[in-house]
C-alpha atoms as a PDB file:
ATOM      1  CA  UNK A   1     -15.238  -0.319  21.943  1.00  0.00           C
ATOM      2  CA  UNK A   2     -15.631   2.857  20.133  1.00  0.00           C
ATOM      3  CA  UNK A   3     -13.837   2.366  16.905  1.00  0.00           C
ATOM      4  CA  UNK A   4     -14.984   0.789  13.877  1.00  0.00           C
ATOM      5  CA  UNK A   5     -11.813  -1.123  13.189  1.00  0.00           C
ATOM      6  CA  UNK A   6      -9.182  -2.362  15.778  1.00  0.00           C
ATOM      7  CA  UNK A   7      -6.284  -2.145  13.275  1.00  0.00           C
ATOM      8  CA  UNK A   8      -3.863   0.704  14.621  1.00  0.00           C
ATOM      9  CA  UNK A   9      -2.633   1.661  11.459  1.00  0.00           C
ATOM     10  CA  UNK A  10      -6.321   2.630  10.271  1.00  0.00           C
ATOM     11  CA  UNK A  11      -5.661   5.757  12.659  1.00  0.00           C
ATOM     12  CA  UNK A  12      -2.927   8.142  11.593  1.00  0.00           C
ATOM     13  CA  UNK A  13      -2.911  10.048  15.117  1.00  0.00           C
ATOM     14  CA  UNK A  14      -1.537   6.868  16.547  1.00  0.00           C
ATOM     15  CA  UNK A  15       0.442   5.034  14.028  1.00  0.00           C
ATOM     16  CA  UNK A  16       2.911   7.741  13.272  1.00  0.00           C
ATOM     17  CA  UNK A  17       5.755   5.511  14.861  1.00  0.00           C
ATOM     18  CA  UNK A  18       6.303   2.023  16.460  1.00  0.00           C
ATOM     19  CA  UNK A  19       2.759   0.692  17.611  1.00  0.00           C
ATOM     20  CA  UNK A  20       3.605  -2.693  18.327  1.00  0.00           C
ATOM     21  CA  UNK A  21       6.013  -3.822  21.136  1.00  0.00           C
ATOM     22  CA  UNK A  22       6.829  -7.416  21.492  1.00  0.00           C
ATOM     23  CA  UNK A  23       6.660  -7.172  25.518  1.00  0.00           C
ATOM     24  CA  UNK A  24       3.294  -5.762  25.625  1.00  0.00           C
ATOM     25  CA  UNK A  25      -0.150  -7.376  25.061  1.00  0.00           C
ATOM     26  CA  UNK A  26      -2.595  -4.841  23.944  1.00  0.00           C
ATOM     27  CA  UNK A  27      -5.683  -6.624  24.924  1.00  0.00           C
ATOM     28  CA  UNK A  28      -4.177  -7.289  28.555  1.00  0.00           C
ATOM     29  CA  UNK A  29      -3.345  -3.596  29.001  1.00  0.00           C
ATOM     30  CA  UNK A  30      -6.790  -2.478  27.870  1.00  0.00           C
ATOM     31  CA  UNK A  31      -8.323  -4.702  30.233  1.00  0.00           C
ATOM     32  CA  UNK A  32      -6.289  -3.492  32.945  1.00  0.00           C
ATOM     33  CA  UNK A  33      -7.066  -0.009  32.111  1.00  0.00           C
ATOM     34  CA  UNK A  34     -10.707  -0.585  32.025  1.00  0.00           C
ATOM     35  CA  UNK A  35     -10.299  -2.286  35.526  1.00  0.00           C
ATOM     36  CA  UNK A  36      -8.141   0.811  36.877  1.00  0.00           C
ATOM     37  CA  UNK A  37     -11.015   3.190  35.384  1.00  0.00           C
ATOM     38  CA  UNK A  38     -13.881   1.102  37.372  1.00  0.00           C
ATOM     39  CA  UNK A  39     -11.523   0.764  40.335  1.00  0.00           C
ATOM     40  CA  UNK A  40     -11.107   4.471  40.505  1.00  0.00           C
ATOM     41  CA  UNK A  41     -14.769   5.160  40.812  1.00  0.00           C
ATOM     42  CA  UNK A  42     -15.698   6.022  37.112  1.00  0.00           C
ATOM     43  CA  UNK A  43     -19.541   5.389  36.426  1.00  0.00           C
ATOM     44  CA  UNK A  44     -20.183   2.950  33.338  1.00  0.00           C
ATOM     45  CA  UNK A  45     -21.485   6.074  31.585  1.00  0.00           C
ATOM     46  CA  UNK A  46     -18.222   7.963  32.183  1.00  0.00           C
ATOM     47  CA  UNK A  47     -16.246   5.390  30.915  1.00  0.00           C
ATOM     48  CA  UNK A  48     -18.070   4.953  27.916  1.00  0.00           C
ATOM     49  CA  UNK A  49     -17.828   8.551  27.241  1.00  0.00           C
ATOM     50  CA  UNK A  50     -14.115   8.316  27.516  1.00  0.00           C
ATOM     51  CA  UNK A  51     -13.940   5.638  25.108  1.00  0.00           C
ATOM     52  CA  UNK A  52     -16.363   7.616  23.026  1.00  0.00           C
ATOM     53  CA  UNK A  53     -14.021  10.405  22.952  1.00  0.00           C
ATOM     54  CA  UNK A  54     -10.771   8.620  22.314  1.00  0.00           C
ATOM     55  CA  UNK A  55     -12.533   7.095  19.544  1.00  0.00           C
ATOM     56  CA  UNK A  56     -13.889  10.218  18.038  1.00  0.00           C
ATOM     57  CA  UNK A  57     -10.222  11.671  18.363  1.00  0.00           C
ATOM     58  CA  UNK A  58      -8.537   9.101  16.556  1.00  0.00           C
ATOM     59  CA  UNK A  59     -11.145   9.200  13.705  1.00  0.00           C
ATOM     60  CA  UNK A  60     -10.557  12.865  13.392  1.00  0.00           C
ATOM     61  CA  UNK A  61      -7.105  11.970  11.703  1.00  0.00           C
ATOM     62  CA  UNK A  62      -9.145  10.292   8.895  1.00  0.00           C
ATOM     63  CA  UNK A  63     -11.209  13.141   7.840  1.00  0.00           C
ATOM     64  CA  UNK A  64     -10.219  14.249   4.249  1.00  0.00           C
ATOM     65  CA  UNK A  65     -10.897  17.338   2.474  1.00  0.00           C
ATOM     66  CA  UNK A  66     -10.544  18.802  -0.958  1.00  0.00           C
ATOM     67  CA  UNK A  67     -10.398  21.670  -2.690  1.00  0.00           C
ATOM     68  CA  UNK A  68     -13.514  23.018  -4.648  1.00  0.00           C
ATOM     69  CA  UNK A  69     -13.124  23.188  -8.427  1.00  0.00           C
ATOM     70  CA  UNK A  70     -12.367  26.633  -9.588  1.00  0.00           C
ATOM     71  CA  UNK A  71     -12.087  27.936  -5.838  1.00  0.00           C
ATOM     72  CA  UNK A  72      -9.756  28.015  -3.093  1.00  0.00           C
ATOM     73  CA  UNK A  73     -12.268  26.768  -0.682  1.00  0.00           C
ATOM     74  CA  UNK A  74     -12.167  23.082   0.769  1.00  0.00           C
ATOM     75  CA  UNK A  75     -15.157  20.742   1.145  1.00  0.00           C
ATOM     76  CA  UNK A  76     -15.363  17.191   2.722  1.00  0.00           C
ATOM     77  CA  UNK A  77     -14.201  14.482   0.635  1.00  0.00           C
ATOM     78  CA  UNK A  78     -16.636  11.835   1.719  1.00  0.00           C
ATOM     79  CA  UNK A  79     -18.822  11.946   4.895  1.00  0.00           C
ATOM     80  CA  UNK A  80     -18.221   8.417   6.253  1.00  0.00           C
ATOM     81  CA  UNK A  81     -15.537   9.505   8.615  1.00  0.00           C
ATOM     82  CA  UNK A  82     -17.413  12.311   9.867  1.00  0.00           C
ATOM     83  CA  UNK A  83     -20.489  10.219  10.488  1.00  0.00           C
ATOM     84  CA  UNK A  84     -18.416   7.959  12.531  1.00  0.00           C
ATOM     85  CA  UNK A  85     -16.925  11.139  14.466  1.00  0.00           C
ATOM     86  CA  UNK A  86     -20.561  12.463  14.778  1.00  0.00           C
ATOM     87  CA  UNK A  87     -22.159   9.428  15.818  1.00  0.00           C
ATOM     88  CA  UNK A  88     -19.236   9.210  18.831  1.00  0.00           C
ATOM     89  CA  UNK A  89     -19.923  12.546  19.786  1.00  0.00           C
ATOM     90  CA  UNK A  90     -23.311  12.821  19.482  1.00  0.00           C
ATOM     91  CA  UNK A  91     -23.064  15.478  16.722  1.00  0.00           C
ATOM     92  CA  UNK A  92     -24.764  16.355  13.421  1.00  0.00           C
ATOM     93  CA  UNK A  93     -21.853  15.114  11.069  1.00  0.00           C
ATOM     94  CA  UNK A  94     -23.169  17.634   8.328  1.00  0.00           C
ATOM     95  CA  UNK A  95     -23.364  20.627  10.741  1.00  0.00           C
ATOM     96  CA  UNK A  96     -19.676  19.544  11.820  1.00  0.00           C
ATOM     97  CA  UNK A  97     -18.130  19.728   8.369  1.00  0.00           C
ATOM     98  CA  UNK A  98     -20.080  23.088   7.859  1.00  0.00           C
ATOM     99  CA  UNK A  99     -18.462  24.387  10.911  1.00  0.00           C
ATOM    100  CA  UNK A 100     -14.880  23.325   9.811  1.00  0.00           C
ATOM    101  CA  UNK A 101     -14.997  24.168   6.369  1.00  0.00           C
ATOM    102  CA  UNK A 102     -17.029  27.418   6.419  1.00  0.00           C
ATOM    103  CA  UNK A 103     -16.508  28.857  10.103  1.00  0.00           C
ATOM    104  CA  UNK A 104     -18.714  31.587  11.438  1.00  0.00           C
ATOM    105  CA  UNK A 105     -16.440  34.587  12.238  1.00  0.00           C
ATOM    106  CA  UNK A 106     -17.170  37.912  14.297  1.00  0.00           C
ATOM    107  CA  UNK A 107     -16.365  40.703  12.032  1.00  0.00           C
ATOM    108  CA  UNK A 108     -17.342  44.031  13.990  1.00  0.00           C
ATOM    109  CA  UNK A 109     -20.861  43.509  15.349  1.00  0.00           C
ATOM    110  CA  UNK A 110     -21.842  40.632  12.715  1.00  0.00           C
ATOM    111  CA  UNK A 111     -21.133  37.068  12.110  1.00  0.00           C
ATOM    112  CA  UNK A 112     -20.053  36.244   8.595  1.00  0.00           C
ATOM    113  CA  UNK A 113     -19.450  32.686   7.170  1.00  0.00           C
ATOM    114  CA  UNK A 114     -15.750  32.580   5.850  1.00  0.00           C
ATOM    115  CA  UNK A 115     -14.833  29.618   3.583  1.00  0.00           C
ATOM    116  CA  UNK A 116     -11.360  27.967   4.523  1.00  0.00           C
ATOM    117  CA  UNK A 117      -8.790  26.503   2.626  1.00  0.00           C
ATOM    118  CA  UNK A 118      -7.623  22.800   2.632  1.00  0.00           C
ATOM    119  CA  UNK A 119      -4.732  23.406   4.823  1.00  0.00           C
ATOM    120  CA  UNK A 120      -6.784  25.811   7.107  1.00  0.00           C
ATOM    121  CA  UNK A 121      -9.383  23.061   7.525  1.00  0.00           C
ATOM    122  CA  UNK A 122      -6.733  20.379   8.251  1.00  0.00           C
ATOM    123  CA  UNK A 123      -5.276  22.837  10.874  1.00  0.00           C
ATOM    124  CA  UNK A 124      -8.809  23.015  12.536  1.00  0.00           C
ATOM    125  CA  UNK A 125      -9.262  19.697  12.521  1.00  0.00           C
ATOM    126  CA  UNK A 126      -6.008  18.962  14.428  1.00  0.00           C
ATOM    127  CA  UNK A 127      -6.821  21.675  16.633  1.00  0.00           C
ATOM    128  CA  UNK A 128     -10.273  20.261  17.709  1.00  0.00           C
ATOM    129  CA  UNK A 129      -8.933  16.850  18.261  1.00  0.00           C
ATOM    130  CA  UNK A 130      -6.348  18.058  20.354  1.00  0.00           C
ATOM    131  CA  UNK A 131      -8.589  20.207  22.393  1.00  0.00           C
ATOM    132  CA  UNK A 132     -11.303  17.430  22.874  1.00  0.00           C
ATOM    133  CA  UNK A 133      -8.450  14.983  24.142  1.00  0.00           C
ATOM    134  CA  UNK A 134      -6.804  17.462  26.196  1.00  0.00           C
ATOM    135  CA  UNK A 135     -10.264  18.506  27.982  1.00  0.00           C
ATOM    136  CA  UNK A 136     -10.918  14.975  28.608  1.00  0.00           C
ATOM    137  CA  UNK A 137      -7.578  14.162  30.106  1.00  0.00           C
ATOM    138  CA  UNK A 138      -7.583  17.163  32.269  1.00  0.00           C
ATOM    139  CA  UNK A 139     -11.307  16.205  33.502  1.00  0.00           C
ATOM    140  CA  UNK A 140     -10.089  12.594  34.075  1.00  0.00           C
ATOM    141  CA  UNK A 141      -6.911  13.922  36.159  1.00  0.00           C
ATOM    142  CA  UNK A 142      -9.225  16.283  38.229  1.00  0.00           C
ATOM    143  CA  UNK A 143     -11.357  13.551  38.705  1.00  0.00           C
ATOM    144  CA  UNK A 144      -8.846  10.795  39.811  1.00  0.00           C
ATOM    145  CA  UNK A 145      -7.299  13.224  42.029  1.00  0.00           C
ATOM    146  CA  UNK A 146     -10.743  13.887  43.727  1.00  0.00           C
ATOM    147  CA  UNK A 147     -11.185   9.946  43.934  1.00  0.00           C
ATOM    148  CA  UNK A 148      -8.094   9.811  45.488  1.00  0.00           C
ATOM    149  CA  UNK A 149      -7.943  12.620  47.921  1.00  0.00           C
ATOM    150  CA  UNK A 150      -8.122  11.155  51.511  1.00  0.00           C
ATOM    151  CA  UNK A 151      -8.439  15.050  52.921  1.00  0.00           C
ATOM    152  CA  UNK A 152      -5.612  13.847  55.463  1.00  0.00           C
ATOM    153  CA  UNK A 153      -2.274  16.293  55.700  1.00  0.00           C
ATOM    154  CA  UNK A 154       0.477  15.247  54.118  1.00  0.00           C
ATOM    155  CA  UNK A 155       4.161  15.979  54.128  1.00  0.00           C
ATOM    156  CA  UNK A 156       5.410  14.030  51.261  1.00  0.00           C
ATOM    157  CA  UNK A 157       3.887  12.733  48.069  1.00  0.00           C
ATOM    158  CA  UNK A 158       4.883  10.983  45.004  1.00  0.00           C
ATOM    159  CA  UNK A 159       3.348  11.846  41.503  1.00  0.00           C
ATOM    160  CA  UNK A 160       3.563   9.308  38.718  1.00  0.00           C
ATOM    161  CA  UNK A 161       2.298   9.781  35.356  1.00  0.00           C
ATOM    162  CA  UNK A 162       2.526   7.070  33.061  1.00  0.00           C
ATOM    163  CA  UNK A 163       1.618   7.400  29.475  1.00  0.00           C
ATOM    164  CA  UNK A 164       1.923   4.147  27.720  1.00  0.00           C
ATOM    165  CA  UNK A 165       3.922   4.369  24.297  1.00  0.00           C
ATOM    166  CA  UNK A 166       6.328   7.223  25.185  1.00  0.00           C
ATOM    167  CA  UNK A 167       8.764   5.326  27.120  1.00  0.00           C
ATOM    168  CA  UNK A 168       9.047   1.599  27.703  1.00  0.00           C
ATOM    169  CA  UNK A 169      11.681   0.500  30.378  1.00  0.00           C
ATOM    170  CA  UNK A 170      12.772  -3.121  30.352  1.00  0.00           C
ATOM    171  CA  UNK A 171      13.730  -3.847  34.110  1.00  0.00           C
ATOM    172  CA  UNK A 172      17.230  -4.941  34.587  1.00  0.00           C
ATOM    173  CA  UNK A 173      18.962  -5.895  37.850  1.00  0.00           C
ATOM    174  CA  UNK A 174      22.320  -5.071  36.567  1.00  0.00           C
ATOM    175  CA  UNK A 175      24.391  -1.766  37.505  1.00  0.00           C
ATOM    176  CA  UNK A 176      24.082   1.300  35.081  1.00  0.00           C
ATOM    177  CA  UNK A 177      27.913   1.105  34.849  1.00  0.00           C
ATOM    178  CA  UNK A 178      29.843  -1.126  32.491  1.00  0.00           C
ATOM    179  CA  UNK A 179      33.248  -2.188  33.523  1.00  0.00           C
END
């Protein structure tokens, strides 16, 4: 939806471990998730924003930087991935790359531009992707809680957080103990 390719191996952020599970049909799970987002009352615009932000986060893992010749400063190693991220986030990709490689830092009462090394830029990219995802996830949790709130007093509640991919349990009708 918001990705240029559907091959999960093209995205280092989600392909570090096992990404295929025989008992799970990814297309069916995406359809069920999409339906759930709609049922929970998210607008089409909000749903598209969720997909765009998630796609942008995945693309962040593909940003590449190299060291400038005869300097320790980093520079982008191509702009194709940044252009995809810029499109998904509604940002100018050149400005985004400039901000990552040469952030403005406040020194005293003035702002100065500081060149970053490749490891520093990579750390900034990871932090930015994590921050975007964290804020989107928090916003979604707040919105879901608001939508599910019945305004009725409760004595008991059950909270369930299911993040697909962390744990997948097969249901078995046997006992836990072996004899």
